Amino acid sequence: MSNISVLNEYMIALKPYMDQYGYWAVFGAILLESFGIPAPGEATLIVGSLLASQGDLSVFSVVVAAWMAAVVGDNIGYAIGLRGGRRLVLRYGRHIFITQLRLESMESFFRKHGGIVVIAARFFAVLRQLNGIVAGIARMPWRHFLLYNALGAAFWVGFWSSLSYFLGKEALRYGVSYKKFASIVLVLLVSAALIVAAYRWWLRRS
Protein backbone atom coordinates (compact mmCIF):
# COMPACT_ATOMS: atom_id res chain seq x y z
CA MET A 1 0.00 0.00 0.00
CA SER A 2 1.40 3.43 -0.95
CA ASN A 3 2.10 6.18 1.55
CA ILE A 4 -0.73 8.21 0.07
CA SER A 5 -3.16 5.31 0.56
CA VAL A 6 -2.06 4.86 4.17
CA LEU A 7 -2.39 8.57 4.87
CA ASN A 8 -5.71 8.67 3.08
CA GLU A 9 -7.09 5.92 5.30
CA TYR A 10 -5.67 7.73 8.33
CA MET A 11 -7.39 10.95 7.30
CA ILE A 12 -10.72 9.26 6.75
CA ALA A 13 -10.39 7.44 10.08
CA LEU A 14 -10.54 10.81 11.83
CA LYS A 15 -13.95 11.68 10.41
CA PRO A 16 -16.03 9.58 12.88
CA TYR A 17 -14.31 11.33 15.80
CA MET A 18 -15.00 14.68 14.20
CA ASP A 19 -18.62 13.73 13.69
CA GLN A 20 -18.95 12.70 17.34
CA TYR A 21 -16.86 15.32 19.16
CA GLY A 22 -16.75 18.16 16.66
CA TYR A 23 -14.81 21.18 17.90
CA TRP A 24 -13.60 19.32 20.99
CA ALA A 25 -11.78 16.85 18.73
CA VAL A 26 -10.01 19.74 17.02
CA PHE A 27 -9.18 21.39 20.33
CA GLY A 28 -7.99 18.21 22.03
CA ALA A 29 -5.75 16.92 19.25
CA ILE A 30 -4.03 20.27 18.73
CA LEU A 31 -3.69 20.90 22.46
CA LEU A 32 -1.95 17.55 23.03
CA GLU A 33 0.31 17.92 20.01
CA SER A 34 1.36 21.40 21.10
CA PHE A 35 3.09 20.28 24.29
CA GLY A 36 4.89 17.23 22.96
CA ILE A 37 2.34 14.41 22.86
CA PRO A 38 2.13 12.74 19.43
CA ALA A 39 -1.38 13.56 18.22
CA PRO A 40 -2.83 14.28 14.75
CA GLY A 41 -3.32 17.99 15.38
CA GLU A 42 -2.66 19.21 11.85
CA ALA A 43 -4.70 16.42 10.24
CA THR A 44 -7.59 17.12 12.62
CA LEU A 45 -7.52 20.81 11.69
CA ILE A 46 -7.67 19.88 8.01
CA VAL A 47 -10.55 17.45 8.50
CA GLY A 48 -12.44 19.97 10.64
CA SER A 49 -12.04 22.64 7.97
CA LEU A 50 -13.15 20.20 5.30
CA LEU A 51 -16.28 19.31 7.25
CA ALA A 52 -16.94 23.03 7.68
CA SER A 53 -16.76 23.46 3.90
CA GLN A 54 -19.52 20.83 3.64
CA GLY A 55 -21.68 22.63 6.21
CA ASP A 56 -21.20 20.08 9.00
CA LEU A 57 -19.25 22.49 11.23
CA SER A 58 -18.74 26.24 11.51
CA VAL A 59 -15.38 27.23 10.02
CA PHE A 60 -15.20 30.16 12.45
CA SER A 61 -15.58 27.82 15.43
CA VAL A 62 -13.00 25.42 14.00
CA VAL A 63 -10.51 28.27 13.62
CA VAL A 64 -11.15 29.61 17.13
CA ALA A 65 -10.89 26.14 18.72
CA ALA A 66 -7.68 25.39 16.82
CA TRP A 67 -6.03 28.73 17.63
CA MET A 68 -6.91 28.55 21.32
CA ALA A 69 -5.66 24.96 21.57
CA ALA A 70 -2.38 25.86 19.87
CA VAL A 71 -1.74 28.82 22.16
CA VAL A 72 -2.74 27.03 25.36
CA GLY A 73 -0.84 23.86 24.42
CA ASP A 74 2.36 25.74 23.64
CA ASN A 75 2.10 27.59 26.95
CA ILE A 76 1.74 24.29 28.79
CA GLY A 77 4.90 23.19 27.03
CA TYR A 78 6.59 26.45 28.02
CA ALA A 79 5.67 25.84 31.67
CA ILE A 80 7.03 22.29 31.48
CA GLY A 81 10.33 23.50 30.08
CA LEU A 82 10.57 26.42 32.51
CA ARG A 83 9.67 24.52 35.68
CA GLY A 84 10.99 21.08 34.83
CA GLY A 85 14.16 22.04 33.05
CA ARG A 86 16.13 20.12 30.47
CA ARG A 87 16.99 17.16 32.71
CA LEU A 88 13.38 16.48 33.69
CA VAL A 89 12.17 16.84 30.10
CA LEU A 90 14.76 14.32 28.90
CA ARG A 91 13.99 11.94 31.76
CA TYR A 92 10.27 11.71 31.08
CA GLY A 93 10.13 12.95 27.49
CA ARG A 94 11.18 9.60 26.06
CA HIS A 95 7.67 8.32 26.83
CA ILE A 96 6.28 10.81 24.32
CA PHE A 97 9.16 10.52 21.84
CA ILE A 98 11.12 13.57 23.00
CA THR A 99 14.65 12.25 22.48
CA GLN A 100 17.91 13.97 23.36
CA LEU A 101 18.77 14.28 19.66
CA ARG A 102 15.46 15.95 18.86
CA LEU A 103 15.74 18.30 21.81
CA GLU A 104 19.33 19.27 20.96
CA SER A 105 18.37 19.86 17.34
CA MET A 106 15.54 22.15 18.42
CA GLU A 107 17.76 23.99 20.92
CA SER A 108 20.37 24.63 18.23
CA PHE A 109 17.71 25.87 15.83
CA PHE A 110 16.26 28.09 18.59
CA ARG A 111 19.64 29.65 19.41
CA LYS A 112 20.35 30.42 15.75
CA HIS A 113 17.04 32.01 14.87
CA GLY A 114 15.67 33.43 18.13
CA GLY A 115 12.02 34.33 18.61
CA ILE A 116 11.13 33.97 14.93
CA VAL A 117 11.44 30.20 15.33
CA VAL A 118 8.37 30.26 17.59
CA ILE A 119 6.35 31.52 14.62
CA ALA A 120 7.89 29.21 12.03
CA ALA A 121 7.85 26.13 14.30
CA ARG A 122 4.10 25.74 13.86
CA PHE A 123 4.66 24.52 10.29
CA PHE A 124 7.22 21.83 11.20
CA ALA A 125 6.08 18.57 12.81
CA VAL A 126 8.80 18.00 15.43
CA LEU A 127 9.38 21.70 16.06
CA ARG A 128 5.66 22.18 16.62
CA GLN A 129 5.75 19.62 19.45
CA LEU A 130 8.92 20.92 21.16
CA ASN A 131 8.52 24.62 20.51
CA GLY A 132 7.09 25.68 23.88
CA ILE A 133 9.21 23.24 25.88
CA VAL A 134 12.47 24.53 24.41
CA ALA A 135 11.38 28.16 24.82
CA GLY A 136 10.79 27.43 28.52
CA ILE A 137 14.13 25.66 28.93
CA ALA A 138 15.84 28.63 27.22
CA ARG A 139 13.94 30.95 29.60
CA MET A 140 12.66 33.10 26.80
CA PRO A 141 10.65 35.97 28.35
CA TRP A 142 7.07 34.76 28.58
CA ARG A 143 5.56 37.92 27.07
CA HIS A 144 7.75 37.55 23.99
CA PHE A 145 6.93 33.87 23.72
CA LEU A 146 3.20 34.51 24.06
CA LEU A 147 3.28 37.11 21.27
CA TYR A 148 5.28 34.98 18.83
CA ASN A 149 3.29 31.90 19.78
CA ALA A 150 -0.07 33.59 19.17
CA LEU A 151 1.14 34.91 15.79
CA GLY A 152 2.54 31.54 14.73
CA ALA A 153 -0.67 29.79 15.73
CA ALA A 154 -2.73 32.33 13.79
CA PHE A 155 -0.64 31.89 10.62
CA TRP A 156 -0.69 28.08 10.90
CA VAL A 157 -4.42 27.80 11.61
CA GLY A 158 -5.22 30.41 8.98
CA PHE A 159 -3.17 28.67 6.31
CA TRP A 160 -4.49 25.13 6.75
CA SER A 161 -8.09 26.06 7.54
CA SER A 162 -8.32 28.44 4.56
CA LEU A 163 -6.70 25.98 2.16
CA SER A 164 -8.82 23.04 3.28
CA TYR A 165 -12.05 25.07 3.38
CA PHE A 166 -11.46 26.54 -0.09
CA LEU A 167 -10.55 23.19 -1.65
CA GLY A 168 -13.50 21.59 0.10
CA LYS A 169 -15.84 24.14 -1.44
CA GLU A 170 -14.29 23.50 -4.85
CA ALA A 171 -14.67 19.74 -4.35
CA LEU A 172 -18.38 20.19 -3.65
CA ARG A 173 -18.74 22.47 -6.64
CA TYR A 174 -17.30 19.89 -9.01
CA GLY A 175 -18.78 16.85 -7.28
CA VAL A 176 -15.47 15.43 -6.06
CA SER A 177 -15.90 12.76 -3.38
CA TYR A 178 -14.57 13.17 0.15
CA LYS A 179 -12.06 10.37 -0.39
CA LYS A 180 -10.66 11.92 -3.56
CA PHE A 181 -10.46 15.30 -1.88
CA ALA A 182 -8.64 13.81 1.10
CA SER A 183 -6.07 12.42 -1.33
CA ILE A 184 -5.53 15.88 -2.82
CA VAL A 185 -4.97 17.43 0.62
CA LEU A 186 -2.67 14.61 1.64
CA VAL A 187 -0.57 15.07 -1.49
CA LEU A 188 -0.10 18.65 -0.33
CA LEU A 189 0.82 17.42 3.15
CA VAL A 190 3.37 14.97 1.78
CA SER A 191 4.82 17.70 -0.44
CA ALA A 192 5.07 20.01 2.58
CA ALA A 193 6.76 17.23 4.57
CA LEU A 194 9.35 16.76 1.82
CA ILE A 195 10.04 20.50 1.79
CA VAL A 196 10.46 20.46 5.58
CA ALA A 197 12.85 17.50 5.37
CA ALA A 198 14.91 19.25 2.71
CA TYR A 199 15.00 22.44 4.78
CA ARG A 200 16.14 20.60 7.90
CA TRP A 201 18.85 18.84 5.86
CA TRP A 202 20.01 22.23 4.57
CA LEU A 203 20.14 23.61 8.14
CA ARG A 204 22.34 20.72 9.26
CA ARG A 205 24.67 21.31 6.33
CA SER A 206 24.90 25.08 6.89
C-alpha atoms as a PDB file:
ATOM      1  CA  MET A   1       0.000   0.000   0.000  1.00  0.00           C
ATOM      2  CA  SER A   2       1.398   3.431  -0.952  1.00  0.00           C
ATOM      3  CA  ASN A   3       2.099   6.178   1.550  1.00  0.00           C
ATOM      4  CA  ILE A   4      -0.733   8.214   0.066  1.00  0.00           C
ATOM      5  CA  SER A   5      -3.161   5.314   0.558  1.00  0.00           C
ATOM      6  CA  VAL A   6      -2.064   4.862   4.165  1.00  0.00           C
ATOM      7  CA  LEU A   7      -2.395   8.568   4.870  1.00  0.00           C
ATOM      8  CA  ASN A   8      -5.711   8.674   3.083  1.00  0.00           C
ATOM      9  CA  GLU A   9      -7.090   5.924   5.304  1.00  0.00           C
ATOM     10  CA  TYR A  10      -5.670   7.733   8.333  1.00  0.00           C
ATOM     11  CA  MET A  11      -7.385  10.954   7.305  1.00  0.00           C
ATOM     12  CA  ILE A  12     -10.723   9.258   6.747  1.00  0.00           C
ATOM     13  CA  ALA A  13     -10.388   7.436  10.083  1.00  0.00           C
ATOM     14  CA  LEU A  14     -10.544  10.811  11.825  1.00  0.00           C
ATOM     15  CA  LYS A  15     -13.948  11.678  10.407  1.00  0.00           C
ATOM     16  CA  PRO A  16     -16.032   9.584  12.879  1.00  0.00           C
ATOM     17  CA  TYR A  17     -14.306  11.335  15.797  1.00  0.00           C
ATOM     18  CA  MET A  18     -14.995  14.683  14.197  1.00  0.00           C
ATOM     19  CA  ASP A  19     -18.624  13.731  13.685  1.00  0.00           C
ATOM     20  CA  GLN A  20     -18.950  12.699  17.339  1.00  0.00           C
ATOM     21  CA  TYR A  21     -16.865  15.317  19.164  1.00  0.00           C
ATOM     22  CA  GLY A  22     -16.745  18.163  16.662  1.00  0.00           C
ATOM     23  CA  TYR A  23     -14.805  21.180  17.899  1.00  0.00           C
ATOM     24  CA  TRP A  24     -13.596  19.322  20.995  1.00  0.00           C
ATOM     25  CA  ALA A  25     -11.783  16.854  18.734  1.00  0.00           C
ATOM     26  CA  VAL A  26     -10.010  19.744  17.024  1.00  0.00           C
ATOM     27  CA  PHE A  27      -9.182  21.395  20.329  1.00  0.00           C
ATOM     28  CA  GLY A  28      -7.986  18.209  22.034  1.00  0.00           C
ATOM     29  CA  ALA A  29      -5.751  16.920  19.247  1.00  0.00           C
ATOM     30  CA  ILE A  30      -4.029  20.267  18.725  1.00  0.00           C
ATOM     31  CA  LEU A  31      -3.687  20.897  22.463  1.00  0.00           C
ATOM     32  CA  LEU A  32      -1.946  17.551  23.031  1.00  0.00           C
ATOM     33  CA  GLU A  33       0.314  17.919  20.006  1.00  0.00           C
ATOM     34  CA  SER A  34       1.359  21.396  21.099  1.00  0.00           C
ATOM     35  CA  PHE A  35       3.087  20.276  24.290  1.00  0.00           C
ATOM     36  CA  GLY A  36       4.893  17.230  22.956  1.00  0.00           C
ATOM     37  CA  ILE A  37       2.343  14.409  22.862  1.00  0.00           C
ATOM     38  CA  PRO A  38       2.126  12.744  19.429  1.00  0.00           C
ATOM     39  CA  ALA A  39      -1.381  13.562  18.216  1.00  0.00           C
ATOM     40  CA  PRO A  40      -2.827  14.282  14.755  1.00  0.00           C
ATOM     41  CA  GLY A  41      -3.318  17.987  15.379  1.00  0.00           C
ATOM     42  CA  GLU A  42      -2.664  19.213  11.854  1.00  0.00           C
ATOM     43  CA  ALA A  43      -4.700  16.422  10.243  1.00  0.00           C
ATOM     44  CA  THR A  44      -7.592  17.120  12.617  1.00  0.00           C
ATOM     45  CA  LEU A  45      -7.517  20.805  11.692  1.00  0.00           C
ATOM     46  CA  ILE A  46      -7.671  19.882   8.008  1.00  0.00           C
ATOM     47  CA  VAL A  47     -10.548  17.450   8.496  1.00  0.00           C
ATOM     48  CA  GLY A  48     -12.438  19.968  10.635  1.00  0.00           C
ATOM     49  CA  SER A  49     -12.043  22.644   7.973  1.00  0.00           C
ATOM     50  CA  LEU A  50     -13.146  20.202   5.295  1.00  0.00           C
ATOM     51  CA  LEU A  51     -16.277  19.315   7.255  1.00  0.00           C
ATOM     52  CA  ALA A  52     -16.940  23.029   7.683  1.00  0.00           C
ATOM     53  CA  SER A  53     -16.763  23.459   3.903  1.00  0.00           C
ATOM     54  CA  GLN A  54     -19.517  20.833   3.643  1.00  0.00           C
ATOM     55  CA  GLY A  55     -21.680  22.629   6.213  1.00  0.00           C
ATOM     56  CA  ASP A  56     -21.198  20.080   9.000  1.00  0.00           C
ATOM     57  CA  LEU A  57     -19.255  22.493  11.231  1.00  0.00           C
ATOM     58  CA  SER A  58     -18.735  26.242  11.514  1.00  0.00           C
ATOM     59  CA  VAL A  59     -15.377  27.230  10.023  1.00  0.00           C
ATOM     60  CA  PHE A  60     -15.197  30.162  12.447  1.00  0.00           C
ATOM     61  CA  SER A  61     -15.575  27.823  15.427  1.00  0.00           C
ATOM     62  CA  VAL A  62     -12.997  25.417  14.002  1.00  0.00           C
ATOM     63  CA  VAL A  63     -10.514  28.271  13.622  1.00  0.00           C
ATOM     64  CA  VAL A  64     -11.148  29.606  17.135  1.00  0.00           C
ATOM     65  CA  ALA A  65     -10.887  26.144  18.719  1.00  0.00           C
ATOM     66  CA  ALA A  66      -7.679  25.386  16.816  1.00  0.00           C
ATOM     67  CA  TRP A  67      -6.033  28.727  17.627  1.00  0.00           C
ATOM     68  CA  MET A  68      -6.912  28.552  21.321  1.00  0.00           C
ATOM     69  CA  ALA A  69      -5.662  24.962  21.570  1.00  0.00           C
ATOM     70  CA  ALA A  70      -2.383  25.858  19.868  1.00  0.00           C
ATOM     71  CA  VAL A  71      -1.743  28.824  22.161  1.00  0.00           C
ATOM     72  CA  VAL A  72      -2.736  27.031  25.364  1.00  0.00           C
ATOM     73  CA  GLY A  73      -0.838  23.864  24.421  1.00  0.00           C
ATOM     74  CA  ASP A  74       2.360  25.736  23.644  1.00  0.00           C
ATOM     75  CA  ASN A  75       2.096  27.588  26.945  1.00  0.00           C
ATOM     76  CA  ILE A  76       1.743  24.290  28.789  1.00  0.00           C
ATOM     77  CA  GLY A  77       4.902  23.192  27.028  1.00  0.00           C
ATOM     78  CA  TYR A  78       6.591  26.449  28.022  1.00  0.00           C
ATOM     79  CA  ALA A  79       5.675  25.845  31.674  1.00  0.00           C
ATOM     80  CA  ILE A  80       7.025  22.286  31.476  1.00  0.00           C
ATOM     81  CA  GLY A  81      10.329  23.500  30.084  1.00  0.00           C
ATOM     82  CA  LEU A  82      10.572  26.417  32.511  1.00  0.00           C
ATOM     83  CA  ARG A  83       9.668  24.524  35.680  1.00  0.00           C
ATOM     84  CA  GLY A  84      10.988  21.084  34.829  1.00  0.00           C
ATOM     85  CA  GLY A  85      14.163  22.037  33.046  1.00  0.00           C
ATOM     86  CA  ARG A  86      16.126  20.117  30.467  1.00  0.00           C
ATOM     87  CA  ARG A  87      16.992  17.165  32.709  1.00  0.00           C
ATOM     88  CA  LEU A  88      13.379  16.484  33.694  1.00  0.00           C
ATOM     89  CA  VAL A  89      12.171  16.839  30.102  1.00  0.00           C
ATOM     90  CA  LEU A  90      14.761  14.320  28.897  1.00  0.00           C
ATOM     91  CA  ARG A  91      13.988  11.941  31.761  1.00  0.00           C
ATOM     92  CA  TYR A  92      10.267  11.707  31.076  1.00  0.00           C
ATOM     93  CA  GLY A  93      10.134  12.950  27.494  1.00  0.00           C
ATOM     94  CA  ARG A  94      11.178   9.596  26.055  1.00  0.00           C
ATOM     95  CA  HIS A  95       7.673   8.321  26.827  1.00  0.00           C
ATOM     96  CA  ILE A  96       6.275  10.815  24.324  1.00  0.00           C
ATOM     97  CA  PHE A  97       9.161  10.522  21.842  1.00  0.00           C
ATOM     98  CA  ILE A  98      11.125  13.571  23.004  1.00  0.00           C
ATOM     99  CA  THR A  99      14.647  12.252  22.482  1.00  0.00           C
ATOM    100  CA  GLN A 100      17.913  13.967  23.356  1.00  0.00           C
ATOM    101  CA  LEU A 101      18.769  14.282  19.664  1.00  0.00           C
ATOM    102  CA  ARG A 102      15.460  15.950  18.857  1.00  0.00           C
ATOM    103  CA  LEU A 103      15.745  18.303  21.807  1.00  0.00           C
ATOM    104  CA  GLU A 104      19.334  19.265  20.964  1.00  0.00           C
ATOM    105  CA  SER A 105      18.366  19.860  17.336  1.00  0.00           C
ATOM    106  CA  MET A 106      15.536  22.150  18.423  1.00  0.00           C
ATOM    107  CA  GLU A 107      17.762  23.991  20.923  1.00  0.00           C
ATOM    108  CA  SER A 108      20.374  24.626  18.233  1.00  0.00           C
ATOM    109  CA  PHE A 109      17.712  25.874  15.831  1.00  0.00           C
ATOM    110  CA  PHE A 110      16.259  28.085  18.590  1.00  0.00           C
ATOM    111  CA  ARG A 111      19.642  29.650  19.410  1.00  0.00           C
ATOM    112  CA  LYS A 112      20.355  30.416  15.746  1.00  0.00           C
ATOM    113  CA  HIS A 113      17.039  32.007  14.870  1.00  0.00           C
ATOM    114  CA  GLY A 114      15.672  33.428  18.133  1.00  0.00           C
ATOM    115  CA  GLY A 115      12.020  34.334  18.609  1.00  0.00           C
ATOM    116  CA  ILE A 116      11.133  33.972  14.933  1.00  0.00           C
ATOM    117  CA  VAL A 117      11.440  30.200  15.328  1.00  0.00           C
ATOM    118  CA  VAL A 118       8.374  30.261  17.587  1.00  0.00           C
ATOM    119  CA  ILE A 119       6.353  31.516  14.621  1.00  0.00           C
ATOM    120  CA  ALA A 120       7.893  29.207  12.030  1.00  0.00           C
ATOM    121  CA  ALA A 121       7.854  26.129  14.296  1.00  0.00           C
ATOM    122  CA  ARG A 122       4.098  25.738  13.856  1.00  0.00           C
ATOM    123  CA  PHE A 123       4.664  24.524  10.292  1.00  0.00           C
ATOM    124  CA  PHE A 124       7.218  21.827  11.203  1.00  0.00           C
ATOM    125  CA  ALA A 125       6.078  18.574  12.813  1.00  0.00           C
ATOM    126  CA  VAL A 126       8.795  18.000  15.431  1.00  0.00           C
ATOM    127  CA  LEU A 127       9.377  21.700  16.055  1.00  0.00           C
ATOM    128  CA  ARG A 128       5.658  22.178  16.623  1.00  0.00           C
ATOM    129  CA  GLN A 129       5.753  19.621  19.448  1.00  0.00           C
ATOM    130  CA  LEU A 130       8.920  20.915  21.160  1.00  0.00           C
ATOM    131  CA  ASN A 131       8.518  24.624  20.514  1.00  0.00           C
ATOM    132  CA  GLY A 132       7.089  25.681  23.878  1.00  0.00           C
ATOM    133  CA  ILE A 133       9.206  23.244  25.881  1.00  0.00           C
ATOM    134  CA  VAL A 134      12.467  24.526  24.408  1.00  0.00           C
ATOM    135  CA  ALA A 135      11.382  28.162  24.824  1.00  0.00           C
ATOM    136  CA  GLY A 136      10.788  27.427  28.518  1.00  0.00           C
ATOM    137  CA  ILE A 137      14.132  25.662  28.926  1.00  0.00           C
ATOM    138  CA  ALA A 138      15.839  28.629  27.225  1.00  0.00           C
ATOM    139  CA  ARG A 139      13.936  30.948  29.603  1.00  0.00           C
ATOM    140  CA  MET A 140      12.662  33.101  26.802  1.00  0.00           C
ATOM    141  CA  PRO A 141      10.649  35.975  28.346  1.00  0.00           C
ATOM    142  CA  TRP A 142       7.072  34.763  28.579  1.00  0.00           C
ATOM    143  CA  ARG A 143       5.560  37.916  27.068  1.00  0.00           C
ATOM    144  CA  HIS A 144       7.746  37.552  23.986  1.00  0.00           C
ATOM    145  CA  PHE A 145       6.934  33.869  23.717  1.00  0.00           C
ATOM    146  CA  LEU A 146       3.198  34.513  24.056  1.00  0.00           C
ATOM    147  CA  LEU A 147       3.275  37.110  21.272  1.00  0.00           C
ATOM    148  CA  TYR A 148       5.276  34.983  18.833  1.00  0.00           C
ATOM    149  CA  ASN A 149       3.287  31.898  19.775  1.00  0.00           C
ATOM    150  CA  ALA A 150      -0.066  33.593  19.166  1.00  0.00           C
ATOM    151  CA  LEU A 151       1.137  34.909  15.785  1.00  0.00           C
ATOM    152  CA  GLY A 152       2.541  31.536  14.729  1.00  0.00           C
ATOM    153  CA  ALA A 153      -0.672  29.788  15.729  1.00  0.00           C
ATOM    154  CA  ALA A 154      -2.727  32.331  13.787  1.00  0.00           C
ATOM    155  CA  PHE A 155      -0.640  31.887  10.620  1.00  0.00           C
ATOM    156  CA  TRP A 156      -0.690  28.081  10.896  1.00  0.00           C
ATOM    157  CA  VAL A 157      -4.416  27.797  11.612  1.00  0.00           C
ATOM    158  CA  GLY A 158      -5.221  30.412   8.985  1.00  0.00           C
ATOM    159  CA  PHE A 159      -3.167  28.665   6.308  1.00  0.00           C
ATOM    160  CA  TRP A 160      -4.486  25.125   6.754  1.00  0.00           C
ATOM    161  CA  SER A 161      -8.087  26.064   7.542  1.00  0.00           C
ATOM    162  CA  SER A 162      -8.319  28.439   4.559  1.00  0.00           C
ATOM    163  CA  LEU A 163      -6.698  25.982   2.159  1.00  0.00           C
ATOM    164  CA  SER A 164      -8.823  23.040   3.285  1.00  0.00           C
ATOM    165  CA  TYR A 165     -12.046  25.071   3.382  1.00  0.00           C
ATOM    166  CA  PHE A 166     -11.464  26.536  -0.085  1.00  0.00           C
ATOM    167  CA  LEU A 167     -10.546  23.192  -1.646  1.00  0.00           C
ATOM    168  CA  GLY A 168     -13.498  21.586   0.104  1.00  0.00           C
ATOM    169  CA  LYS A 169     -15.840  24.135  -1.437  1.00  0.00           C
ATOM    170  CA  GLU A 170     -14.287  23.503  -4.851  1.00  0.00           C
ATOM    171  CA  ALA A 171     -14.671  19.745  -4.347  1.00  0.00           C
ATOM    172  CA  LEU A 172     -18.382  20.187  -3.646  1.00  0.00           C
ATOM    173  CA  ARG A 173     -18.743  22.469  -6.637  1.00  0.00           C
ATOM    174  CA  TYR A 174     -17.303  19.885  -9.013  1.00  0.00           C
ATOM    175  CA  GLY A 175     -18.785  16.851  -7.278  1.00  0.00           C
ATOM    176  CA  VAL A 176     -15.474  15.427  -6.059  1.00  0.00           C
ATOM    177  CA  SER A 177     -15.903  12.760  -3.379  1.00  0.00           C
ATOM    178  CA  TYR A 178     -14.570  13.167   0.152  1.00  0.00           C
ATOM    179  CA  LYS A 179     -12.058  10.366  -0.390  1.00  0.00           C
ATOM    180  CA  LYS A 180     -10.660  11.920  -3.558  1.00  0.00           C
ATOM    181  CA  PHE A 181     -10.463  15.300  -1.884  1.00  0.00           C
ATOM    182  CA  ALA A 182      -8.635  13.811   1.098  1.00  0.00           C
ATOM    183  CA  SER A 183      -6.068  12.421  -1.332  1.00  0.00           C
ATOM    184  CA  ILE A 184      -5.530  15.883  -2.816  1.00  0.00           C
ATOM    185  CA  VAL A 185      -4.968  17.429   0.615  1.00  0.00           C
ATOM    186  CA  LEU A 186      -2.673  14.615   1.642  1.00  0.00           C
ATOM    187  CA  VAL A 187      -0.569  15.067  -1.487  1.00  0.00           C
ATOM    188  CA  LEU A 188      -0.104  18.647  -0.334  1.00  0.00           C
ATOM    189  CA  LEU A 189       0.817  17.417   3.148  1.00  0.00           C
ATOM    190  CA  VAL A 190       3.373  14.969   1.776  1.00  0.00           C
ATOM    191  CA  SER A 191       4.818  17.698  -0.437  1.00  0.00           C
ATOM    192  CA  ALA A 192       5.075  20.009   2.577  1.00  0.00           C
ATOM    193  CA  ALA A 193       6.761  17.234   4.571  1.00  0.00           C
ATOM    194  CA  LEU A 194       9.346  16.763   1.824  1.00  0.00           C
ATOM    195  CA  ILE A 195      10.038  20.498   1.789  1.00  0.00           C
ATOM    196  CA  VAL A 196      10.461  20.462   5.576  1.00  0.00           C
ATOM    197  CA  ALA A 197      12.845  17.499   5.373  1.00  0.00           C
ATOM    198  CA  ALA A 198      14.909  19.245   2.708  1.00  0.00           C
ATOM    199  CA  TYR A 199      15.002  22.439   4.779  1.00  0.00           C
ATOM    200  CA  ARG A 200      16.139  20.599   7.905  1.00  0.00           C
ATOM    201  CA  TRP A 201      18.850  18.845   5.859  1.00  0.00           C
ATOM    202  CA  TRP A 202      20.014  22.229   4.568  1.00  0.00           C
ATOM    203  CA  LEU A 203      20.138  23.609   8.137  1.00  0.00           C
ATOM    204  CA  ARG A 204      22.342  20.725   9.263  1.00  0.00           C
ATOM    205  CA  ARG A 205      24.672  21.312   6.326  1.00  0.00           C
ATOM    206  CA  SER A 206      24.900  25.080   6.891  1.00  0.00           C
END
